[in-house]
Amino acid sequence: MGSPSSLEVEDLRWSWAFAGLVLGCGAVLIFTPIYLVLAAAALGLTGPAVFQIAGHRATGARFASLGLGVLIPAAVGAVLVGINSF
């Protein structure tokens, strides 16, 4: 790792990203993809903010991983909605 305040790929928790992927696949059936993209972005951006706090680095990595996992199906749904609007 570089500086103590930077979040890198090695810090991500891939089990949390997979859990976010499963959660996102279920949530895309309930919520509109645009709102889900906004929620995933909020989760993903909360991760680096929390990661900078010295005692909460693992929690920040979990938030970033969960946001990344939710963003994958949300982005696919948003692209499909955008293509369908043509």
PDB file of N, CA and C in Angstrom:
ATOM      1  N   MET A   1       0.838  -1.181   0.000  1.00  0.00           N
ATOM      2  CA  MET A   1       0.000   0.000   0.000  1.00  0.00           C
ATOM      3  C   MET A   1       0.879   1.239   0.000  1.00  0.00           C
ATOM      4  N   GLY A   2       0.385   2.253  -0.638  1.00  0.00           N
ATOM      5  CA  GLY A   2       1.107   3.517  -0.682  1.00  0.00           C
ATOM      6  C   GLY A   2       0.924   4.302   0.601  1.00  0.00           C
ATOM      7  N   SER A   3       0.302   5.431   0.501  1.00  0.00           N
ATOM      8  CA  SER A   3       0.069   6.252   1.684  1.00  0.00           C
ATOM      9  C   SER A   3      -1.090   5.664   2.500  1.00  0.00           C
ATOM     10  N   PRO A   4      -1.139   5.953   3.775  1.00  0.00           N
ATOM     11  CA  PRO A   4      -2.175   5.351   4.608  1.00  0.00           C
ATOM     12  C   PRO A   4      -3.588   5.830   4.302  1.00  0.00           C
ATOM     13  N   SER A   5      -3.737   6.888   3.533  1.00  0.00           N
ATOM     14  CA  SER A   5      -5.081   7.400   3.272  1.00  0.00           C
ATOM     15  C   SER A   5      -5.598   7.034   1.880  1.00  0.00           C
ATOM     16  N   SER A   6      -4.881   6.203   1.130  1.00  0.00           N
ATOM     17  CA  SER A   6      -5.350   5.861  -0.207  1.00  0.00           C
ATOM     18  C   SER A   6      -5.921   4.447  -0.228  1.00  0.00           C
ATOM     19  N   LEU A   7      -7.033   4.285  -0.898  1.00  0.00           N
ATOM     20  CA  LEU A   7      -7.690   2.996  -1.038  1.00  0.00           C
ATOM     21  C   LEU A   7      -7.249   2.400  -2.362  1.00  0.00           C
ATOM     22  N   GLU A   8      -6.678   1.206  -2.313  1.00  0.00           N
ATOM     23  CA  GLU A   8      -6.176   0.553  -3.516  1.00  0.00           C
ATOM     24  C   GLU A   8      -6.917  -0.755  -3.741  1.00  0.00           C
ATOM     25  N   VAL A   9      -6.698  -1.356  -4.887  1.00  0.00           N
ATOM     26  CA  VAL A   9      -7.388  -2.590  -5.245  1.00  0.00           C
ATOM     27  C   VAL A   9      -7.088  -3.702  -4.248  1.00  0.00           C
ATOM     28  N   GLU A  10      -5.890  -3.739  -3.720  1.00  0.00           N
ATOM     29  CA  GLU A  10      -5.531  -4.779  -2.766  1.00  0.00           C
ATOM     30  C   GLU A  10      -6.343  -4.686  -1.477  1.00  0.00           C
ATOM     31  N   ASP A  11      -6.897  -3.519  -1.194  1.00  0.00           N
ATOM     32  CA  ASP A  11      -7.664  -3.313   0.032  1.00  0.00           C
ATOM     33  C   ASP A  11      -9.120  -3.748  -0.088  1.00  0.00           C
ATOM     34  N   LEU A  12      -9.596  -3.957  -1.310  1.00  0.00           N
ATOM     35  CA  LEU A  12     -11.000  -4.315  -1.494  1.00  0.00           C
ATOM     36  C   LEU A  12     -11.282  -5.705  -0.937  1.00  0.00           C
ATOM     37  N   ARG A  13     -12.462  -5.896  -0.436  1.00  0.00           N
ATOM     38  CA  ARG A  13     -12.908  -7.187   0.085  1.00  0.00           C
ATOM     39  C   ARG A  13     -13.793  -7.822  -0.979  1.00  0.00           C
ATOM     40  N   TRP A  14     -13.272  -8.840  -1.662  1.00  0.00           N
ATOM     41  CA  TRP A  14     -13.980  -9.402  -2.806  1.00  0.00           C
ATOM     42  C   TRP A  14     -15.226 -10.168  -2.388  1.00  0.00           C
ATOM     43  N   SER A  15     -15.252 -10.691  -1.169  1.00  0.00           N
ATOM     44  CA  SER A  15     -16.478 -11.347  -0.697  1.00  0.00           C
ATOM     45  C   SER A  15     -17.599 -10.316  -0.519  1.00  0.00           C
ATOM     46  N   TRP A  16     -17.242  -9.117  -0.070  1.00  0.00           N
ATOM     47  CA  TRP A  16     -18.235  -8.050   0.064  1.00  0.00           C
ATOM     48  C   TRP A  16     -18.677  -7.550  -1.304  1.00  0.00           C
ATOM     49  N   ALA A  17     -17.780  -7.539  -2.268  1.00  0.00           N
ATOM     50  CA  ALA A  17     -18.155  -7.132  -3.626  1.00  0.00           C
ATOM     51  C   ALA A  17     -19.130  -8.147  -4.227  1.00  0.00           C
ATOM     52  N   PHE A  18     -18.898  -9.438  -3.955  1.00  0.00           N
ATOM     53  CA  PHE A  18     -19.821 -10.463  -4.448  1.00  0.00           C
ATOM     54  C   PHE A  18     -21.174 -10.343  -3.760  1.00  0.00           C
ATOM     55  N   ALA A  19     -21.165 -10.057  -2.457  1.00  0.00           N
ATOM     56  CA  ALA A  19     -22.426  -9.846  -1.737  1.00  0.00           C
ATOM     57  C   ALA A  19     -23.168  -8.639  -2.305  1.00  0.00           C
ATOM     58  N   GLY A  20     -22.446  -7.589  -2.649  1.00  0.00           N
ATOM     59  CA  GLY A  20     -23.063  -6.423  -3.274  1.00  0.00           C
ATOM     60  C   GLY A  20     -23.628  -6.741  -4.650  1.00  0.00           C
ATOM     61  N   LEU A  21     -22.938  -7.614  -5.379  1.00  0.00           N
ATOM     62  CA  LEU A  21     -23.429  -8.033  -6.692  1.00  0.00           C
ATOM     63  C   LEU A  21     -24.751  -8.772  -6.557  1.00  0.00           C
ATOM     64  N   VAL A  22     -24.826  -9.681  -5.600  1.00  0.00           N
ATOM     65  CA  VAL A  22     -26.070 -10.416  -5.367  1.00  0.00           C
ATOM     66  C   VAL A  22     -27.170  -9.462  -4.904  1.00  0.00           C
ATOM     67  N   LEU A  23     -26.837  -8.572  -3.991  1.00  0.00           N
ATOM     68  CA  LEU A  23     -27.796  -7.579  -3.506  1.00  0.00           C
ATOM     69  C   LEU A  23     -28.268  -6.675  -4.646  1.00  0.00           C
ATOM     70  N   GLY A  24     -27.351  -6.268  -5.499  1.00  0.00           N
ATOM     71  CA  GLY A  24     -27.710  -5.408  -6.632  1.00  0.00           C
ATOM     72  C   GLY A  24     -28.601  -6.106  -7.638  1.00  0.00           C
ATOM     73  N   CYS A  25     -28.354  -7.398  -7.859  1.00  0.00           N
ATOM     74  CA  CYS A  25     -29.210  -8.150  -8.785  1.00  0.00           C
ATOM     75  C   CYS A  25     -30.640  -8.238  -8.257  1.00  0.00           C
ATOM     76  N   GLY A  26     -30.789  -8.400  -6.955  1.00  0.00           N
ATOM     77  CA  GLY A  26     -32.124  -8.418  -6.377  1.00  0.00           C
ATOM     78  C   GLY A  26     -32.753  -7.037  -6.340  1.00  0.00           C
ATOM     79  N   ALA A  27     -31.962  -6.035  -6.060  1.00  0.00           N
ATOM     80  CA  ALA A  27     -32.481  -4.674  -5.941  1.00  0.00           C
ATOM     81  C   ALA A  27     -32.881  -4.092  -7.289  1.00  0.00           C
ATOM     82  N   VAL A  28     -32.265  -4.554  -8.355  1.00  0.00           N
ATOM     83  CA  VAL A  28     -32.597  -4.020  -9.683  1.00  0.00           C
ATOM     84  C   VAL A  28     -34.018  -4.435 -10.084  1.00  0.00           C
ATOM     85  N   LEU A  29     -34.529  -5.492  -9.463  1.00  0.00           N
ATOM     86  CA  LEU A  29     -35.901  -5.902  -9.737  1.00  0.00           C
ATOM     87  C   LEU A  29     -36.915  -5.045  -8.982  1.00  0.00           C
ATOM     88  N   ILE A  30     -36.472  -4.384  -7.916  1.00  0.00           N
ATOM     89  CA  ILE A  30     -37.377  -3.621  -7.066  1.00  0.00           C
ATOM     90  C   ILE A  30     -37.301  -2.119  -7.366  1.00  0.00           C
ATOM     91  N   PHE A  31     -36.074  -1.603  -7.498  1.00  0.00           N
ATOM     92  CA  PHE A  31     -35.857  -0.166  -7.673  1.00  0.00           C
ATOM     93  C   PHE A  31     -35.517   0.145  -9.123  1.00  0.00           C
ATOM     94  N   THR A  32     -35.682   1.411  -9.493  1.00  0.00           N
ATOM     95  CA  THR A  32     -35.273   1.823 -10.832  1.00  0.00           C
ATOM     96  C   THR A  32     -33.748   1.862 -10.884  1.00  0.00           C
ATOM     97  N   PRO A  33     -33.162   1.542 -12.029  1.00  0.00           N
ATOM     98  CA  PRO A  33     -31.701   1.483 -12.119  1.00  0.00           C
ATOM     99  C   PRO A  33     -31.001   2.809 -11.819  1.00  0.00           C
ATOM    100  N   ILE A  34     -31.628   3.917 -12.134  1.00  0.00           N
ATOM    101  CA  ILE A  34     -30.985   5.207 -11.880  1.00  0.00           C
ATOM    102  C   ILE A  34     -30.820   5.438 -10.383  1.00  0.00           C
ATOM    103  N   TYR A  35     -31.867   5.144  -9.615  1.00  0.00           N
ATOM    104  CA  TYR A  35     -31.764   5.290  -8.162  1.00  0.00           C
ATOM    105  C   TYR A  35     -30.753   4.313  -7.578  1.00  0.00           C
ATOM    106  N   LEU A  36     -30.680   3.144  -8.162  1.00  0.00           N
ATOM    107  CA  LEU A  36     -29.719   2.147  -7.688  1.00  0.00           C
ATOM    108  C   LEU A  36     -28.285   2.572  -8.011  1.00  0.00           C
ATOM    109  N   VAL A  37     -28.073   3.206  -9.149  1.00  0.00           N
ATOM    110  CA  VAL A  37     -26.745   3.739  -9.479  1.00  0.00           C
ATOM    111  C   VAL A  37     -26.366   4.825  -8.482  1.00  0.00           C
ATOM    112  N   LEU A  38     -27.309   5.688  -8.141  1.00  0.00           N
ATOM    113  CA  LEU A  38     -27.025   6.739  -7.157  1.00  0.00           C
ATOM    114  C   LEU A  38     -26.714   6.149  -5.780  1.00  0.00           C
ATOM    115  N   ALA A  39     -27.439   5.126  -5.375  1.00  0.00           N
ATOM    116  CA  ALA A  39     -27.177   4.480  -4.087  1.00  0.00           C
ATOM    117  C   ALA A  39     -25.823   3.783  -4.093  1.00  0.00           C
ATOM    118  N   ALA A  40     -25.491   3.122  -5.195  1.00  0.00           N
ATOM    119  CA  ALA A  40     -24.193   2.448  -5.300  1.00  0.00           C
ATOM    120  C   ALA A  40     -23.051   3.459  -5.293  1.00  0.00           C
ATOM    121  N   ALA A  41     -23.258   4.590  -5.953  1.00  0.00           N
ATOM    122  CA  ALA A  41     -22.237   5.633  -5.946  1.00  0.00           C
ATOM    123  C   ALA A  41     -22.054   6.206  -4.552  1.00  0.00           C
ATOM    124  N   ALA A  42     -23.154   6.374  -3.830  1.00  0.00           N
ATOM    125  CA  ALA A  42     -23.051   6.875  -2.456  1.00  0.00           C
ATOM    126  C   ALA A  42     -22.291   5.888  -1.568  1.00  0.00           C
ATOM    127  N   LEU A  43     -22.590   4.595  -1.716  1.00  0.00           N
ATOM    128  CA  LEU A  43     -21.855   3.579  -0.956  1.00  0.00           C
ATOM    129  C   LEU A  43     -20.380   3.568  -1.343  1.00  0.00           C
ATOM    130  N   GLY A  44     -20.133   3.612  -2.646  1.00  0.00           N
ATOM    131  CA  GLY A  44     -18.754   3.567  -3.126  1.00  0.00           C
ATOM    132  C   GLY A  44     -17.934   4.767  -2.728  1.00  0.00           C
ATOM    133  N   LEU A  45     -18.546   5.940  -2.667  1.00  0.00           N
ATOM    134  CA  LEU A  45     -17.809   7.142  -2.281  1.00  0.00           C
ATOM    135  C   LEU A  45     -17.697   7.292  -0.767  1.00  0.00           C
ATOM    136  N   THR A  46     -18.579   6.640  -0.036  1.00  0.00           N
ATOM    137  CA  THR A  46     -18.455   6.629   1.418  1.00  0.00           C
ATOM    138  C   THR A  46     -17.241   5.806   1.838  1.00  0.00           C
ATOM    139  N   GLY A  47     -16.940   4.771   1.071  1.00  0.00           N
ATOM    140  CA  GLY A  47     -15.813   3.895   1.387  1.00  0.00           C
ATOM    141  C   GLY A  47     -14.483   4.618   1.524  1.00  0.00           C
ATOM    142  N   PRO A  48     -14.028   5.365   0.525  1.00  0.00           N
ATOM    143  CA  PRO A  48     -12.763   6.082   0.673  1.00  0.00           C
ATOM    144  C   PRO A  48     -12.781   7.149   1.762  1.00  0.00           C
ATOM    145  N   ALA A  49     -13.952   7.747   1.998  1.00  0.00           N
ATOM    146  CA  ALA A  49     -14.040   8.752   3.064  1.00  0.00           C
ATOM    147  C   ALA A  49     -13.836   8.111   4.432  1.00  0.00           C
ATOM    148  N   VAL A  50     -14.440   6.955   4.646  1.00  0.00           N
ATOM    149  CA  VAL A  50     -14.281   6.248   5.912  1.00  0.00           C
ATOM    150  C   VAL A  50     -12.908   5.605   5.993  1.00  0.00           C
ATOM    151  N   PHE A  51     -12.344   5.207   4.851  1.00  0.00           N
ATOM    152  CA  PHE A  51     -11.046   4.547   4.810  1.00  0.00           C
ATOM    153  C   PHE A  51      -9.940   5.453   5.325  1.00  0.00           C
ATOM    154  N   GLN A  52     -10.103   6.761   5.200  1.00  0.00           N
ATOM    155  CA  GLN A  52      -9.077   7.696   5.649  1.00  0.00           C
ATOM    156  C   GLN A  52      -8.986   7.791   7.160  1.00  0.00           C
ATOM    157  N   ILE A  53     -10.039   7.386   7.866  1.00  0.00           N
ATOM    158  CA  ILE A  53     -10.018   7.400   9.325  1.00  0.00           C
ATOM    159  C   ILE A  53      -9.200   6.191   9.779  1.00  0.00           C
ATOM    160  N   ALA A  54      -8.195   6.415  10.600  1.00  0.00           N
ATOM    161  CA  ALA A  54      -7.220   5.380  10.927  1.00  0.00           C
ATOM    162  C   ALA A  54      -7.834   4.116  11.517  1.00  0.00           C
ATOM    163  N   GLY A  55      -8.791   4.216  12.388  1.00  0.00           N
ATOM    164  CA  GLY A  55      -9.349   3.046  13.034  1.00  0.00           C
ATOM    165  C   GLY A  55     -10.413   2.322  12.236  1.00  0.00           C
ATOM    166  N   HIS A  56     -10.814   2.881  11.090  1.00  0.00           N
ATOM    167  CA  HIS A  56     -11.936   2.325  10.347  1.00  0.00           C
ATOM    168  C   HIS A  56     -11.558   1.965   8.903  1.00  0.00           C
ATOM    169  N   ARG A  57     -10.342   1.546   8.702  1.00  0.00           N
ATOM    170  CA  ARG A  57      -9.889   1.223   7.348  1.00  0.00           C
ATOM    171  C   ARG A  57     -10.620   0.005   6.782  1.00  0.00           C
ATOM    172  N   ALA A  58     -10.851  -1.004   7.610  1.00  0.00           N
ATOM    173  CA  ALA A  58     -11.555  -2.201   7.126  1.00  0.00           C
ATOM    174  C   ALA A  58     -13.004  -1.880   6.774  1.00  0.00           C
ATOM    175  N   THR A  59     -13.637  -1.031   7.556  1.00  0.00           N
ATOM    176  CA  THR A  59     -15.019  -0.634   7.277  1.00  0.00           C
ATOM    177  C   THR A  59     -15.100   0.155   5.976  1.00  0.00           C
ATOM    178  N   GLY A  60     -14.155   1.037   5.744  1.00  0.00           N
ATOM    179  CA  GLY A  60     -14.127   1.793   4.495  1.00  0.00           C
ATOM    180  C   GLY A  60     -13.931   0.900   3.291  1.00  0.00           C
ATOM    181  N   ALA A  61     -13.077  -0.117   3.426  1.00  0.00           N
ATOM    182  CA  ALA A  61     -12.870  -1.056   2.329  1.00  0.00           C
ATOM    183  C   ALA A  61     -14.129  -1.871   2.065  1.00  0.00           C
ATOM    184  N   ARG A  62     -14.858  -2.203   3.118  1.00  0.00           N
ATOM    185  CA  ARG A  62     -16.114  -2.942   2.943  1.00  0.00           C
ATOM    186  C   ARG A  62     -17.162  -2.093   2.227  1.00  0.00           C
ATOM    187  N   PHE A  63     -17.287  -0.820   2.617  1.00  0.00           N
ATOM    188  CA  PHE A  63     -18.235   0.073   1.942  1.00  0.00           C
ATOM    189  C   PHE A  63     -17.887   0.228   0.462  1.00  0.00           C
ATOM    190  N   ALA A  64     -16.614   0.413   0.161  1.00  0.00           N
ATOM    191  CA  ALA A  64     -16.200   0.570  -1.233  1.00  0.00           C
ATOM    192  C   ALA A  64     -16.458  -0.707  -2.023  1.00  0.00           C
ATOM    193  N   SER A  65     -16.198  -1.848  -1.422  1.00  0.00           N
ATOM    194  CA  SER A  65     -16.425  -3.123  -2.095  1.00  0.00           C
ATOM    195  C   SER A  65     -17.909  -3.369  -2.338  1.00  0.00           C
ATOM    196  N   LEU A  66     -18.724  -3.066  -1.349  1.00  0.00           N
ATOM    197  CA  LEU A  66     -20.165  -3.241  -1.487  1.00  0.00           C
ATOM    198  C   LEU A  66     -20.721  -2.307  -2.563  1.00  0.00           C
ATOM    199  N   GLY A  67     -20.248  -1.077  -2.584  1.00  0.00           N
ATOM    200  CA  GLY A  67     -20.684  -0.135  -3.617  1.00  0.00           C
ATOM    201  C   GLY A  67     -20.299  -0.584  -5.009  1.00  0.00           C
ATOM    202  N   LEU A  68     -19.099  -1.148  -5.153  1.00  0.00           N
ATOM    203  CA  LEU A  68     -18.663  -1.656  -6.450  1.00  0.00           C
ATOM    204  C   LEU A  68     -19.532  -2.819  -6.892  1.00  0.00           C
ATOM    205  N   GLY A  69     -19.847  -3.710  -5.963  1.00  0.00           N
ATOM    206  CA  GLY A  69     -20.684  -4.854  -6.308  1.00  0.00           C
ATOM    207  C   GLY A  69     -22.087  -4.460  -6.719  1.00  0.00           C
ATOM    208  N   VAL A  70     -22.679  -3.493  -6.037  1.00  0.00           N
ATOM    209  CA  VAL A  70     -24.029  -3.037  -6.374  1.00  0.00           C
ATOM    210  C   VAL A  70     -24.016  -2.259  -7.686  1.00  0.00           C
ATOM    211  N   LEU A  71     -22.927  -1.581  -7.970  1.00  0.00           N
ATOM    212  CA  LEU A  71     -22.851  -0.751  -9.175  1.00  0.00           C
ATOM    213  C   LEU A  71     -22.879  -1.576 -10.462  1.00  0.00           C
ATOM    214  N   ILE A  72     -22.394  -2.790 -10.432  1.00  0.00           N
ATOM    215  CA  ILE A  72     -22.323  -3.604 -11.660  1.00  0.00           C
ATOM    216  C   ILE A  72     -23.719  -3.886 -12.225  1.00  0.00           C
ATOM    217  N   PRO A  73     -24.646  -4.507 -11.469  1.00  0.00           N
ATOM    218  CA  PRO A  73     -25.979  -4.719 -12.065  1.00  0.00           C
ATOM    219  C   PRO A  73     -26.763  -3.420 -12.243  1.00  0.00           C
ATOM    220  N   ALA A  74     -26.490  -2.419 -11.414  1.00  0.00           N
ATOM    221  CA  ALA A  74     -27.185  -1.141 -11.559  1.00  0.00           C
ATOM    222  C   ALA A  74     -26.788  -0.469 -12.872  1.00  0.00           C
ATOM    223  N   ALA A  75     -25.512  -0.523 -13.210  1.00  0.00           N
ATOM    224  CA  ALA A  75     -25.052   0.092 -14.456  1.00  0.00           C
ATOM    225  C   ALA A  75     -25.606  -0.655 -15.667  1.00  0.00           C
ATOM    226  N   VAL A  76     -25.658  -1.977 -15.575  1.00  0.00           N
ATOM    227  CA  VAL A  76     -26.230  -2.756 -16.680  1.00  0.00           C
ATOM    228  C   VAL A  76     -27.701  -2.399 -16.870  1.00  0.00           C
ATOM    229  N   GLY A  77     -28.434  -2.311 -15.765  1.00  0.00           N
ATOM    230  CA  GLY A  77     -29.843  -1.927 -15.865  1.00  0.00           C
ATOM    231  C   GLY A  77     -30.034  -0.532 -16.411  1.00  0.00           C
ATOM    232  N   ALA A  78     -29.173   0.400 -15.994  1.00  0.00           N
ATOM    233  CA  ALA A  78     -29.273   1.773 -16.504  1.00  0.00           C
ATOM    234  C   ALA A  78     -28.973   1.843 -17.993  1.00  0.00           C
ATOM    235  N   VAL A  79     -28.012   1.056 -18.461  1.00  0.00           N
ATOM    236  CA  VAL A  79     -27.697   1.030 -19.896  1.00  0.00           C
ATOM    237  C   VAL A  79     -28.870   0.445 -20.668  1.00  0.00           C
ATOM    238  N   LEU A  80     -29.473  -0.605 -20.151  1.00  0.00           N
ATOM    239  CA  LEU A  80     -30.622  -1.204 -20.856  1.00  0.00           C
ATOM    240  C   LEU A  80     -31.815  -0.247 -20.908  1.00  0.00           C
ATOM    241  N   VAL A  81     -32.045   0.484 -19.837  1.00  0.00           N
ATOM    242  CA  VAL A  81     -33.124   1.477 -19.838  1.00  0.00           C
ATOM    243  C   VAL A  81     -32.798   2.583 -20.841  1.00  0.00           C
ATOM    244  N   GLY A  82     -31.541   2.989 -20.893  1.00  0.00           N
ATOM    245  CA  GLY A  82     -31.146   4.025 -21.849  1.00  0.00           C
ATOM    246  C   GLY A  82     -31.283   3.582 -23.283  1.00  0.00           C
ATOM    247  N   ILE A  83     -30.904   2.341 -23.572  1.00  0.00           N
ATOM    248  CA  ILE A  83     -31.043   1.812 -24.932  1.00  0.00           C
ATOM    249  C   ILE A  83     -32.516   1.667 -25.300  1.00  0.00           C
ATOM    250  N   ASN A  84     -33.325   1.246 -24.335  1.00  0.00           N
ATOM    251  CA  ASN A  84     -34.753   1.072 -24.594  1.00  0.00           C
ATOM    252  C   ASN A  84     -35.444   2.407 -24.854  1.00  0.00           C
ATOM    253  N   SER A  85     -34.888   3.496 -24.385  1.00  0.00           N
ATOM    254  CA  SER A  85     -35.518   4.799 -24.578  1.00  0.00           C
ATOM    255  C   SER A  85     -35.322   5.337 -25.985  1.00  0.00           C
ATOM    256  N   PHE A  86     -34.425   4.711 -26.761  1.00  0.00           N
ATOM    257  CA  PHE A  86     -34.248   5.157 -28.155  1.00  0.00           C
ATOM    258  C   PHE A  86     -35.454   4.789 -28.913  1.00  0.00           C
TER     259      PHE A  86
END
